[in-house]
C-alpha atoms as a PDB file:
ATOM      1  CA  GLU A   1      70.016 -44.844 -20.802  1.00  0.00           C
ATOM      2  CA  GLN A   2      67.961 -42.927 -23.122  1.00  0.00           C
ATOM      3  CA  GLY A   3      65.343 -45.767 -23.259  1.00  0.00           C
ATOM      4  CA  LEU A   4      65.089 -45.755 -19.605  1.00  0.00           C
ATOM      5  CA  GLN A   5      64.697 -41.916 -19.566  1.00  0.00           C
ATOM      6  CA  LEU A   6      62.052 -42.148 -22.289  1.00  0.00           C
ATOM      7  CA  LEU A   7      60.408 -44.875 -19.919  1.00  0.00           C
ATOM      8  CA  GLU A   8      60.828 -42.603 -17.101  1.00  0.00           C
ATOM      9  CA  LEU A   9      59.480 -39.539 -18.969  1.00  0.00           C
ATOM     10  CA  GLY A  10      56.849 -41.570 -20.349  1.00  0.00           C
ATOM     11  CA  GLY A  11      55.572 -42.601 -16.789  1.00  0.00           C
ATOM     12  CA  SER A  12      55.722 -39.061 -15.814  1.00  0.00           C
ATOM     13  CA  VAL A  13      53.758 -37.725 -18.990  1.00  0.00           C
ATOM     14  CA  GLU A  14      51.073 -40.452 -18.298  1.00  0.00           C
ATOM     15  CA  GLU A  15      50.712 -39.365 -14.758  1.00  0.00           C
ATOM     16  CA  ASP A  16      50.559 -35.789 -15.876  1.00  0.00           C
ATOM     17  CA  CYS A  17      47.804 -36.748 -18.610  1.00  0.00           C
ATOM     18  CA  ILE A  18      45.626 -38.460 -15.739  1.00  0.00           C
ATOM     19  CA  ARG A  19      46.224 -35.417 -13.498  1.00  0.00           C
ATOM     20  CA  ILE A  20      44.984 -33.142 -16.324  1.00  0.00           C
ATOM     21  CA  ALA A  21      42.320 -35.378 -16.879  1.00  0.00           C
ATOM     22  CA  ARG A  22      41.095 -35.277 -13.672  1.00  0.00           C
ATOM     23  CA  CYS A  23      41.203 -31.549 -13.433  1.00  0.00           C
ATOM     24  CA  PHE A  24      39.116 -31.442 -16.474  1.00  0.00           C
ATOM     25  CA  GLU A  25      36.589 -33.558 -14.851  1.00  0.00           C
ATOM     26  CA  ALA A  26      36.472 -31.728 -12.068  1.00  0.00           C
ATOM     27  CA  THR A  27      36.124 -28.520 -13.922  1.00  0.00           C
ATOM     28  CA  ARG A  28      33.569 -30.059 -16.064  1.00  0.00           C
ATOM     29  CA  GLN A  29      31.481 -30.994 -13.055  1.00  0.00           C
ATOM     30  CA  ARG A  30      31.857 -27.757 -11.317  1.00  0.00           C
ATOM     31  CA  CYS A  31      30.625 -26.110 -14.834  1.00  0.00           C
ATOM     32  CA  CYS A  32      27.768 -28.315 -14.689  1.00  0.00           C
ATOM     33  CA  ARG A  33      26.892 -27.376 -11.030  1.00  0.00           C
ATOM     34  CA  LEU A  34      27.223 -23.692 -12.021  1.00  0.00           C
ATOM     35  CA  GLU A  35      24.883 -24.263 -14.904  1.00  0.00           C
ATOM     36  CA  GLN A  36      22.359 -25.711 -12.902  1.00  0.00           C
ATOM     37  CA  ASP A  37      22.666 -23.014 -10.333  1.00  0.00           C
ATOM     38  CA  GLY A  38      22.140 -20.429 -13.083  1.00  0.00           C
ATOM     39  CA  ARG A  39      19.235 -22.191 -14.257  1.00  0.00           C
ATOM     40  CA  ARG A  40      17.347 -22.339 -10.658  1.00  0.00           C
ATOM     41  CA  ALA A  41      18.524 -18.725 -10.439  1.00  0.00           C
ATOM     42  CA  ARG A  42      16.733 -17.890 -13.587  1.00  0.00           C
ATOM     43  CA  GLU A  43      13.768 -19.630 -12.679  1.00  0.00           C
ATOM     44  CA  GLN A  44      13.622 -18.016  -9.160  1.00  0.00           C
ATOM     45  CA  LEU A  45      13.947 -14.660 -10.980  1.00  0.00           C
ATOM     46  CA  ALA A  46      11.220 -15.440 -13.269  1.00  0.00           C
ATOM     47  CA  ARG A  47       8.635 -16.459 -10.369  1.00  0.00           C
ATOM     48  CA  VAL A  48       9.930 -13.323  -8.122  1.00  0.00           C
ATOM     49  CA  GLU A  49       9.320 -11.025 -11.439  1.00  0.00           C
ATOM     50  CA  ALA A  50       5.913 -12.658 -11.886  1.00  0.00           C
ATOM     51  CA  GLU A  51       5.098 -12.007  -8.366  1.00  0.00           C
ATOM     52  CA  ARG A  52       6.452  -8.352  -8.429  1.00  0.00           C
ATOM     53  CA  ALA A  53       4.164  -7.810 -11.305  1.00  0.00           C
ATOM     54  CA  ALA A  54       1.141  -9.350  -9.506  1.00  0.00           C
ATOM     55  CA  LEU A  55       1.872  -7.082  -6.518  1.00  0.00           C
ATOM     56  CA  GLU A  56       2.105  -3.985  -8.636  1.00  0.00           C
ATOM     57  CA  VAL A  57      -1.092  -4.696 -10.215  1.00  0.00           C
ATOM     58  CA  LYS A  58      -2.604  -4.928  -6.788  1.00  0.00           C
ATOM     59  CA  LEU A  59      -0.870  -2.058  -5.651  1.00  0.00           C
ATOM     60  CA  LYS A  60      -2.202  -0.099  -8.514  1.00  0.00           C
ATOM     61  CA  HIS A  61      -5.762  -1.321  -7.964  1.00  0.00           C
ATOM     62  CA  ALA A  62      -5.537  -0.446  -4.141  1.00  0.00           C
ATOM     63  CA  ARG A  63      -4.205   3.015  -5.168  1.00  0.00           C
ATOM     64  CA  ASN A  64      -7.149   3.460  -7.324  1.00  0.00           C
ATOM     65  CA  GLN A  65      -9.534   2.096  -4.789  1.00  0.00           C
ATOM     66  CA  VAL A  66      -8.199   4.578  -2.165  1.00  0.00           C
ATOM     67  CA  GLU A  67      -8.769   7.507  -4.552  1.00  0.00           C
ATOM     68  CA  VAL A  68     -12.356   6.414  -5.187  1.00  0.00           C
ATOM     69  CA  GLU A  69     -13.050   6.321  -1.344  1.00  0.00           C
ATOM     70  CA  MET A  70     -11.490   9.302  -0.763  1.00  0.00           C
ATOM     71  CA  LYS A  71     -13.705  11.023  -3.331  1.00  0.00           C
ATOM     72  CA  LYS A  72     -16.675   9.215  -1.726  1.00  0.00           C
ATOM     73  CA  ARG A  73     -15.639  10.517   1.831  1.00  0.00           C
ATOM     74  CA  HIS A  74     -15.008  13.954   0.774  1.00  0.00           C
ATOM     75  CA  ARG A  75     -18.522  13.946  -1.014  1.00  0.00           C
ATOM     76  CA  ALA A  76     -20.098  12.613   2.404  1.00  0.00           C
ATOM     77  CA  GLU A  77     -18.073  15.031   4.433  1.00  0.00           C
ATOM     78  CA  ALA A  78     -19.500  17.801   2.070  1.00  0.00           C
ATOM     79  CA  GLU A  79     -22.926  16.561   2.490  1.00  0.00           C
ATOM     80  CA  LEU A  80     -22.847  16.221   6.192  1.00  0.00           C
ATOM     81  CA  GLU A  81     -21.827  19.907   6.417  1.00  0.00           C
ATOM     82  CA  LYS A  82     -24.656  20.819   4.215  1.00  0.00           C
ATOM     83  CA  GLN A  83     -27.145  18.940   6.253  1.00  0.00           C
ATOM     84  CA  GLU A  84     -25.635  20.164   9.645  1.00  0.00           C
ATOM     85  CA  ARG A  85     -25.585  23.754   8.281  1.00  0.00           C
ATOM     86  CA  LYS A  86     -29.414  23.313   7.435  1.00  0.00           C
ATOM     87  CA  LEU A  87     -30.153  22.013  10.956  1.00  0.00           C
ATOM     88  CA  GLN A  88     -28.224  25.044  12.454  1.00  0.00           C
ATOM     89  CA  LEU A  89     -30.423  27.348  10.561  1.00  0.00           C
ATOM     90  CA  VAL A  90     -33.563  25.549  11.094  1.00  0.00           C
ATOM     91  CA  LEU A  91     -32.814  25.601  15.083  1.00  0.00           C
ATOM     92  CA  GLU A  92     -31.894  28.959  14.910  1.00  0.00           C
ATOM     93  CA  LEU A  93     -35.061  29.978  13.195  1.00  0.00           C
ATOM     94  CA  VAL A  94     -37.297  27.743  15.541  1.00  0.00           C
ATOM     95  CA  MET A  95     -35.601  29.218  18.679  1.00  0.00           C
ATOM     96  CA  ARG A  96     -35.812  33.049  17.536  1.00  0.00           C
ATOM     97  CA  GLU A  97     -39.632  32.899  16.472  1.00  0.00           C
ATOM     98  CA  PRO A  98     -42.170  33.681  19.021  1.00  0.00           C
ATOM     99  CA  TRP A  99     -44.479  31.058  17.743  1.00  0.00           C
ATOM    100  CA  GLY A 100     -41.735  28.645  18.074  1.00  0.00           C
ATOM    101  CA  ASN A 101     -41.938  28.325  21.952  1.00  0.00           C
ATOM    102  CA  GLU A 102     -45.896  28.282  21.896  1.00  0.00           C
ATOM    103  CA  ALA A 103     -46.336  25.551  19.082  1.00  0.00           C
ATOM    104  CA  LEU A 104     -43.635  23.247  21.121  1.00  0.00           C
ATOM    105  CA  SER A 105     -44.038  21.620  24.498  1.00  0.00           C
ATOM    106  CA  ARG A 106     -41.625  22.432  27.141  1.00  0.00           C
ATOM    107  CA  GLU A 107     -39.948  19.049  26.732  1.00  0.00           C
ATOM    108  CA  GLN A 108     -39.408  19.912  22.893  1.00  0.00           C
ATOM    109  CA  CYS A 109     -38.236  23.431  23.791  1.00  0.00           C
ATOM    110  CA  SER A 110     -35.624  21.929  26.220  1.00  0.00           C
ATOM    111  CA  VAL A 111     -34.410  19.281  23.638  1.00  0.00           C
ATOM    112  CA  LEU A 112     -34.288  22.127  20.852  1.00  0.00           C
ATOM    113  CA  SER A 113     -32.596  24.399  23.254  1.00  0.00           C
ATOM    114  CA  ALA A 114     -29.959  21.890  24.011  1.00  0.00           C
ATOM    115  CA  LEU A 115     -29.355  21.159  20.419  1.00  0.00           C
ATOM    116  CA  ALA A 116     -29.165  24.797  19.501  1.00  0.00           C
ATOM    117  CA  GLY A 117     -26.839  25.601  22.387  1.00  0.00           C
ATOM    118  CA  ARG A 118     -24.474  22.859  21.483  1.00  0.00           C
ATOM    119  CA  ARG A 119     -24.708  23.508  17.561  1.00  0.00           C
ATOM    120  CA  LEU A 120     -25.306  27.235  17.469  1.00  0.00           C
ATOM    121  CA  GLY A 121     -22.159  27.864  19.626  1.00  0.00           C
ATOM    122  CA  THR A 122     -20.329  27.131  16.589  1.00  0.00           C
ATOM    123  CA  ALA A 123     -22.645  28.936  14.310  1.00  0.00           C
ATOM    124  CA  LEU A 124     -21.389  29.134  10.502  1.00  0.00           C
ATOM    125  CA  ALA A 125     -18.374  26.966  11.479  1.00  0.00           C
ATOM    126  CA  PRO A 126     -18.808  23.136   9.980  1.00  0.00           C
ATOM    127  CA  VAL A 127     -19.607  20.741  12.948  1.00  0.00           C
ATOM    128  CA  ARG A 128     -17.409  17.517  12.540  1.00  0.00           C
ATOM    129  CA  ARG A 129     -18.930  14.395  14.262  1.00  0.00           C
ATOM    130  CA  SER A 130     -16.131  12.256  15.891  1.00  0.00           C
ATOM    131  CA  SER A 131     -16.243   8.891  17.200  1.00  0.00           C
ATOM    132  CA  ALA A 132     -13.615   6.421  18.655  1.00  0.00           C
ATOM    133  CA  ALA A 133     -13.846   4.564  15.344  1.00  0.00           C
ATOM    134  CA  ASP A 134     -13.440   7.588  13.291  1.00  0.00           C
ATOM    135  CA  GLU A 135     -10.591   8.968  15.289  1.00  0.00           C
ATOM    136  CA  SER A 136      -8.440   5.605  15.239  1.00  0.00           C
ATOM    137  CA  CYS A 137      -9.170   5.315  11.474  1.00  0.00           C
ATOM    138  CA  GLN A 138      -8.779   9.011  10.607  1.00  0.00           C
ATOM    139  CA  SER A 139      -4.909   8.705  10.301  1.00  0.00           C
ATOM    140  CA  LEU A 140      -5.447   5.611   7.844  1.00  0.00           C
ATOM    141  CA  LEU A 141      -8.098   7.482   5.884  1.00  0.00           C
ATOM    142  CA  SER A 142      -7.028  11.182   5.797  1.00  0.00           C
ATOM    143  CA  HIS A 143      -6.143  12.059   2.335  1.00  0.00           C
ATOM    144  CA  SER A 144      -3.359  14.449   3.760  1.00  0.00           C
ATOM    145  CA  ASP A 145      -1.648  11.373   5.274  1.00  0.00           C
ATOM    146  CA  ILE A 146      -1.566   9.188   2.039  1.00  0.00           C
ATOM    147  CA  SER A 147       1.469  10.135  -0.200  1.00  0.00           C
ATOM    148  CA  TYR A 148       2.605   7.888  -2.779  1.00  0.00           C
ATOM    149  CA  ASP A 149       4.494   8.342  -5.765  1.00  0.00           C
ATOM    150  CA  ARG A 150       2.513   7.504  -8.928  1.00  0.00           C
ATOM    151  CA  THR A 151       5.924   7.892 -11.023  1.00  0.00           C
ATOM    152  CA  GLU A 152       6.710   4.350 -10.213  1.00  0.00           C
ATOM    153  CA  ASP A 153       3.602   3.057 -11.980  1.00  0.00           C
ATOM    154  CA  ASP A 154       5.032   4.449 -15.278  1.00  0.00           C
ATOM    155  CA  VAL A 155       8.879   3.255 -14.951  1.00  0.00           C
ATOM    156  CA  VAL A 156       9.495   0.595 -17.387  1.00  0.00           C
ATOM    157  CA  ARG A 157      11.784  -1.848 -16.064  1.00  0.00           C
ATOM    158  CA  GLY A 158      14.147  -3.632 -18.097  1.00  0.00           C
END
């Protein structure tokens, strides 16, 4: 009877060992899949980090270019205002001088009068030219509309 019990016990132990071996094999295969998934995720993370770093460099260059262009625009606007003020003063002088009307033809006087009337109506105020392209781009180029935080440039990510 004990022999039969051992044989029966031996048979169930063998089946238990086979079941355990199958569980270990399934667990090993699962671990291999997870390891491959982890490797792919690390590779993807490395690619994304490299892309992010490249985009940050592009962003920094773009910000610098915007800053340079804004400075150029401010200088050009200041020069434009300066030249328009000079034109206003010249037109005012020519129109007020008695010799101005005598030295100029009627056509020249009417052109100057038209210019003076349009410009001198806003004397001492800067004249701002406006075009469809200027108006459509104004919000894109206006320094007051551009707000970006440079603190992110200096943040070291770990």
